[in-house]
């Protein structure tokens, strides 16, 4: 009976040590997961702040330059066309040229160099034509035709709200 009790106590002590070791392993795993979670949380917060900052920069750039801050050549082409349209509206040529034929720009079938040349040719033709203010002529490419789509009137937010009741 005494030998059995000693043996039982010994087995309980071994079990106690193994449980303590397992508990330490679980604690270490928990700390590791907690550290990873904190790191990911900081990265997520950093990405949110970076995205917000980039969005603010884009809005500021758009307000200053009238276009989005992007590497897209189509947006750059649209901005250049918009600026050209505004320049043409403010500095009208007095001569008209009927011999100028405007090429259509087809973005899907022509390589970028040919589209750029066609756009420049179209711009050169437009310099010799008279247009009514704030209107693009018929038959122009989509980039030029969209130049007046960018102009619109903003409502006066300082006016009092009208009640219909």
C-alpha atoms as a PDB file:
ATOM      1  CA  UNK A   1       0.000   0.000   0.000  1.00  0.00           C
ATOM      2  CA  UNK A   2       2.803   2.436   0.800  1.00  0.00           C
ATOM      3  CA  UNK A   3       4.610   1.452  -2.392  1.00  0.00           C
ATOM      4  CA  UNK A   4       1.405   1.925  -4.376  1.00  0.00           C
ATOM      5  CA  UNK A   5       0.924   5.403  -2.889  1.00  0.00           C
ATOM      6  CA  UNK A   6       4.518   6.382  -3.715  1.00  0.00           C
ATOM      7  CA  UNK A   7       4.054   5.108  -7.260  1.00  0.00           C
ATOM      8  CA  UNK A   8       0.751   7.010  -7.601  1.00  0.00           C
ATOM      9  CA  UNK A   9       2.325  10.225  -6.253  1.00  0.00           C
ATOM     10  CA  UNK A  10       5.239   9.830  -8.654  1.00  0.00           C
ATOM     11  CA  UNK A  11       2.882   9.397 -11.640  1.00  0.00           C
ATOM     12  CA  UNK A  12       0.858  12.439 -10.509  1.00  0.00           C
ATOM     13  CA  UNK A  13       4.040  14.532 -10.254  1.00  0.00           C
ATOM     14  CA  UNK A  14       5.100  13.455 -13.766  1.00  0.00           C
ATOM     15  CA  UNK A  15       1.634  14.283 -15.094  1.00  0.00           C
ATOM     16  CA  UNK A  16       1.765  17.645 -13.291  1.00  0.00           C
ATOM     17  CA  UNK A  17       5.139  18.478 -14.918  1.00  0.00           C
ATOM     18  CA  UNK A  18       3.930  17.479 -18.376  1.00  0.00           C
ATOM     19  CA  UNK A  19       0.762  19.582 -17.945  1.00  0.00           C
ATOM     20  CA  UNK A  20       2.853  22.566 -16.826  1.00  0.00           C
ATOM     21  CA  UNK A  21       5.066  22.130 -19.909  1.00  0.00           C
ATOM     22  CA  UNK A  22       2.005  21.972 -22.168  1.00  0.00           C
ATOM     23  CA  UNK A  23       0.601  25.074 -20.476  1.00  0.00           C
ATOM     24  CA  UNK A  24       3.872  26.947 -21.103  1.00  0.00           C
ATOM     25  CA  UNK A  25       3.786  25.885 -24.769  1.00  0.00           C
ATOM     26  CA  UNK A  26       0.196  27.127 -25.113  1.00  0.00           C
ATOM     27  CA  UNK A  27       1.143  30.428 -23.423  1.00  0.00           C
ATOM     28  CA  UNK A  28       4.066  30.879 -25.834  1.00  0.00           C
ATOM     29  CA  UNK A  29       1.824  30.127 -28.820  1.00  0.00           C
ATOM     30  CA  UNK A  30      -0.739  32.617 -27.526  1.00  0.00           C
ATOM     31  CA  UNK A  31       1.928  35.312 -27.097  1.00  0.00           C
ATOM     32  CA  UNK A  32       3.215  34.588 -30.604  1.00  0.00           C
ATOM     33  CA  UNK A  33      -0.295  34.875 -32.072  1.00  0.00           C
ATOM     34  CA  UNK A  34      -0.935  38.041 -30.044  1.00  0.00           C
ATOM     35  CA  UNK A  35       2.282  39.605 -31.370  1.00  0.00           C
ATOM     36  CA  UNK A  36       1.374  38.679 -34.950  1.00  0.00           C
ATOM     37  CA  UNK A  37      -2.107  40.118 -34.456  1.00  0.00           C
ATOM     38  CA  UNK A  38      -0.680  43.401 -33.135  1.00  0.00           C
ATOM     39  CA  UNK A  39       1.730  43.564 -36.075  1.00  0.00           C
ATOM     40  CA  UNK A  40      -1.052  42.942 -38.572  1.00  0.00           C
ATOM     41  CA  UNK A  41      -3.213  45.513 -36.824  1.00  0.00           C
ATOM     42  CA  UNK A  42      -0.441  48.116 -37.112  1.00  0.00           C
ATOM     43  CA  UNK A  43       0.061  47.227 -40.787  1.00  0.00           C
ATOM     44  CA  UNK A  44      -3.675  47.538 -41.426  1.00  0.00           C
ATOM     45  CA  UNK A  45      -3.780  50.916 -39.692  1.00  0.00           C
ATOM     46  CA  UNK A  46      -0.754  52.052 -41.714  1.00  0.00           C
ATOM     47  CA  UNK A  47      -2.411  50.936 -44.969  1.00  0.00           C
ATOM     48  CA  UNK A  48      -5.627  52.753 -44.048  1.00  0.00           C
ATOM     49  CA  UNK A  49      -3.685  55.944 -43.334  1.00  0.00           C
ATOM     50  CA  UNK A  50      -1.669  55.557 -46.541  1.00  0.00           C
ATOM     51  CA  UNK A  51      -4.843  55.032 -48.578  1.00  0.00           C
ATOM     52  CA  UNK A  52      -6.465  58.060 -46.963  1.00  0.00           C
ATOM     53  CA  UNK A  53      -3.368  60.163 -47.639  1.00  0.00           C
ATOM     54  CA  UNK A  54      -3.199  59.037 -51.279  1.00  0.00           C
ATOM     55  CA  UNK A  55      -6.891  59.771 -51.706  1.00  0.00           C
ATOM     56  CA  UNK A  56      -6.392  63.241 -50.254  1.00  0.00           C
ATOM     57  CA  UNK A  57      -3.411  63.822 -52.526  1.00  0.00           C
ATOM     58  CA  UNK A  58      -5.432  62.715 -55.560  1.00  0.00           C
ATOM     59  CA  UNK A  59      -8.275  65.056 -54.628  1.00  0.00           C
ATOM     60  CA  UNK A  60      -5.856  67.940 -54.103  1.00  0.00           C
ATOM     61  CA  UNK A  61      -4.068  67.193 -57.380  1.00  0.00           C
ATOM     62  CA  UNK A  62      -7.401  66.939 -59.208  1.00  0.00           C
ATOM     63  CA  UNK A  63      -8.494  70.278 -57.738  1.00  0.00           C
ATOM     64  CA  UNK A  64      -5.232  71.922 -58.782  1.00  0.00           C
ATOM     65  CA  UNK A  65      -4.757  70.323 -62.198  1.00  0.00           C
ATOM     66  CA  UNK A  66      -8.212  69.169 -63.260  1.00  0.00           C
ATOM     67  CA  UNK A  67      -7.346  65.475 -63.551  1.00  0.00           C
ATOM     68  CA  UNK A  68      -6.657  62.379 -61.493  1.00  0.00           C
ATOM     69  CA  UNK A  69      -3.112  61.593 -60.362  1.00  0.00           C
ATOM     70  CA  UNK A  70      -2.498  58.381 -62.232  1.00  0.00           C
ATOM     71  CA  UNK A  71      -0.046  56.853 -64.662  1.00  0.00           C
ATOM     72  CA  UNK A  72      -2.793  56.039 -67.132  1.00  0.00           C
ATOM     73  CA  UNK A  73      -2.055  57.464 -70.557  1.00  0.00           C
ATOM     74  CA  UNK A  74      -5.763  57.730 -71.340  1.00  0.00           C
ATOM     75  CA  UNK A  75      -6.332  60.073 -68.407  1.00  0.00           C
ATOM     76  CA  UNK A  76      -3.312  62.125 -69.453  1.00  0.00           C
ATOM     77  CA  UNK A  77      -4.628  62.226 -73.009  1.00  0.00           C
ATOM     78  CA  UNK A  78      -8.044  63.364 -71.726  1.00  0.00           C
ATOM     79  CA  UNK A  79      -6.445  66.095 -69.613  1.00  0.00           C
ATOM     80  CA  UNK A  80      -4.349  67.296 -72.546  1.00  0.00           C
ATOM     81  CA  UNK A  81      -7.424  67.355 -74.769  1.00  0.00           C
ATOM     82  CA  UNK A  82      -9.373  69.223 -72.130  1.00  0.00           C
ATOM     83  CA  UNK A  83      -6.586  71.800 -71.820  1.00  0.00           C
ATOM     84  CA  UNK A  84      -6.400  72.091 -75.602  1.00  0.00           C
ATOM     85  CA  UNK A  85     -10.152  72.632 -75.797  1.00  0.00           C
ATOM     86  CA  UNK A  86      -9.951  75.366 -73.163  1.00  0.00           C
ATOM     87  CA  UNK A  87      -7.013  76.976 -74.969  1.00  0.00           C
ATOM     88  CA  UNK A  88      -8.894  76.905 -78.250  1.00  0.00           C
ATOM     89  CA  UNK A  89     -11.966  78.417 -76.626  1.00  0.00           C
ATOM     90  CA  UNK A  90      -9.964  81.316 -75.235  1.00  0.00           C
ATOM     91  CA  UNK A  91      -7.728  81.896 -78.288  1.00  0.00           C
ATOM     92  CA  UNK A  92      -9.975  81.435 -81.326  1.00  0.00           C
ATOM     93  CA  UNK A  93      -8.349  81.446 -84.735  1.00  0.00           C
ATOM     94  CA  UNK A  94      -9.937  83.890 -87.156  1.00  0.00           C
ATOM     95  CA  UNK A  95      -9.292  81.742 -90.207  1.00  0.00           C
ATOM     96  CA  UNK A  96     -11.291  78.675 -91.104  1.00  0.00           C
ATOM     97  CA  UNK A  97      -9.943  75.726 -92.956  1.00  0.00           C
ATOM     98  CA  UNK A  98     -12.277  73.409 -94.834  1.00  0.00           C
ATOM     99  CA  UNK A  99      -9.455  71.279 -96.169  1.00  0.00           C
ATOM    100  CA  UNK A 100      -8.662  69.925 -92.734  1.00  0.00           C
ATOM    101  CA  UNK A 101     -10.061  66.443 -92.207  1.00  0.00           C
ATOM    102  CA  UNK A 102     -10.051  65.234 -88.645  1.00  0.00           C
ATOM    103  CA  UNK A 103      -9.003  61.620 -88.170  1.00  0.00           C
ATOM    104  CA  UNK A 104     -11.026  59.480 -85.780  1.00  0.00           C
ATOM    105  CA  UNK A 105      -8.987  57.967 -82.965  1.00  0.00           C
ATOM    106  CA  UNK A 106      -9.770  54.304 -82.503  1.00  0.00           C
ATOM    107  CA  UNK A 107      -8.147  53.224 -79.249  1.00  0.00           C
ATOM    108  CA  UNK A 108      -8.539  49.531 -79.937  1.00  0.00           C
ATOM    109  CA  UNK A 109      -7.107  49.180 -83.434  1.00  0.00           C
ATOM    110  CA  UNK A 110      -4.233  51.672 -83.584  1.00  0.00           C
ATOM    111  CA  UNK A 111      -0.961  51.481 -81.687  1.00  0.00           C
ATOM    112  CA  UNK A 112      -0.274  54.282 -79.147  1.00  0.00           C
ATOM    113  CA  UNK A 113       2.133  56.160 -81.440  1.00  0.00           C
ATOM    114  CA  UNK A 114      -0.446  56.359 -84.225  1.00  0.00           C
ATOM    115  CA  UNK A 115      -3.161  57.477 -81.782  1.00  0.00           C
ATOM    116  CA  UNK A 116      -0.867  60.234 -80.502  1.00  0.00           C
ATOM    117  CA  UNK A 117      -0.074  61.397 -84.049  1.00  0.00           C
ATOM    118  CA  UNK A 118      -3.774  61.314 -84.934  1.00  0.00           C
ATOM    119  CA  UNK A 119      -4.598  63.317 -81.811  1.00  0.00           C
ATOM    120  CA  UNK A 120      -1.935  65.909 -82.633  1.00  0.00           C
ATOM    121  CA  UNK A 121      -3.216  66.128 -86.214  1.00  0.00           C
ATOM    122  CA  UNK A 122      -6.735  66.612 -84.913  1.00  0.00           C
ATOM    123  CA  UNK A 123      -5.524  69.317 -82.535  1.00  0.00           C
ATOM    124  CA  UNK A 124      -3.705  71.110 -85.360  1.00  0.00           C
ATOM    125  CA  UNK A 125      -6.859  71.015 -87.466  1.00  0.00           C
ATOM    126  CA  UNK A 126      -8.945  72.398 -84.628  1.00  0.00           C
ATOM    127  CA  UNK A 127      -6.671  75.420 -84.288  1.00  0.00           C
ATOM    128  CA  UNK A 128      -7.787  76.630 -87.713  1.00  0.00           C
ATOM    129  CA  UNK A 129     -11.527  76.166 -87.137  1.00  0.00           C
ATOM    130  CA  UNK A 130     -13.914  78.488 -85.384  1.00  0.00           C
ATOM    131  CA  UNK A 131     -16.167  76.939 -82.789  1.00  0.00           C
ATOM    132  CA  UNK A 132     -18.879  78.511 -80.696  1.00  0.00           C
ATOM    133  CA  UNK A 133     -17.678  79.013 -77.111  1.00  0.00           C
ATOM    134  CA  UNK A 134     -17.733  75.908 -74.923  1.00  0.00           C
ATOM    135  CA  UNK A 135     -18.686  73.599 -77.787  1.00  0.00           C
ATOM    136  CA  UNK A 136     -16.658  70.894 -79.477  1.00  0.00           C
ATOM    137  CA  UNK A 137     -17.199  70.423 -83.193  1.00  0.00           C
ATOM    138  CA  UNK A 138     -18.940  67.368 -84.612  1.00  0.00           C
ATOM    139  CA  UNK A 139     -16.874  64.406 -85.725  1.00  0.00           C
ATOM    140  CA  UNK A 140     -14.132  64.873 -83.176  1.00  0.00           C
ATOM    141  CA  UNK A 141     -12.644  61.964 -81.329  1.00  0.00           C
ATOM    142  CA  UNK A 142     -14.138  60.879 -78.004  1.00  0.00           C
ATOM    143  CA  UNK A 143     -11.328  62.458 -76.016  1.00  0.00           C
ATOM    144  CA  UNK A 144     -11.939  65.890 -77.510  1.00  0.00           C
ATOM    145  CA  UNK A 145     -15.716  65.524 -77.401  1.00  0.00           C
ATOM    146  CA  UNK A 146     -15.555  64.834 -73.695  1.00  0.00           C
ATOM    147  CA  UNK A 147     -13.741  68.103 -73.037  1.00  0.00           C
ATOM    148  CA  UNK A 148     -16.961  69.980 -72.361  1.00  0.00           C
ATOM    149  CA  UNK A 149     -18.392  67.158 -70.277  1.00  0.00           C
ATOM    150  CA  UNK A 150     -15.913  68.206 -67.593  1.00  0.00           C
ATOM    151  CA  UNK A 151     -17.467  71.690 -67.312  1.00  0.00           C
ATOM    152  CA  UNK A 152     -20.522  71.979 -65.111  1.00  0.00           C
ATOM    153  CA  UNK A 153     -22.024  74.457 -62.686  1.00  0.00           C
ATOM    154  CA  UNK A 154     -21.671  73.837 -58.981  1.00  0.00           C
ATOM    155  CA  UNK A 155     -24.628  74.787 -56.771  1.00  0.00           C
ATOM    156  CA  UNK A 156     -24.198  77.647 -54.328  1.00  0.00           C
ATOM    157  CA  UNK A 157     -24.083  75.916 -50.952  1.00  0.00           C
ATOM    158  CA  UNK A 158     -24.367  79.223 -49.090  1.00  0.00           C
ATOM    159  CA  UNK A 159     -28.002  79.719 -50.140  1.00  0.00           C
ATOM    160  CA  UNK A 160     -30.664  78.850 -47.532  1.00  0.00           C
ATOM    161  CA  UNK A 161     -32.550  75.588 -47.967  1.00  0.00           C
ATOM    162  CA  UNK A 162     -36.010  76.096 -49.468  1.00  0.00           C
ATOM    163  CA  UNK A 163     -38.884  74.386 -47.644  1.00  0.00           C
ATOM    164  CA  UNK A 164     -41.690  73.024 -49.851  1.00  0.00           C
ATOM    165  CA  UNK A 165     -44.176  72.972 -46.958  1.00  0.00           C
END
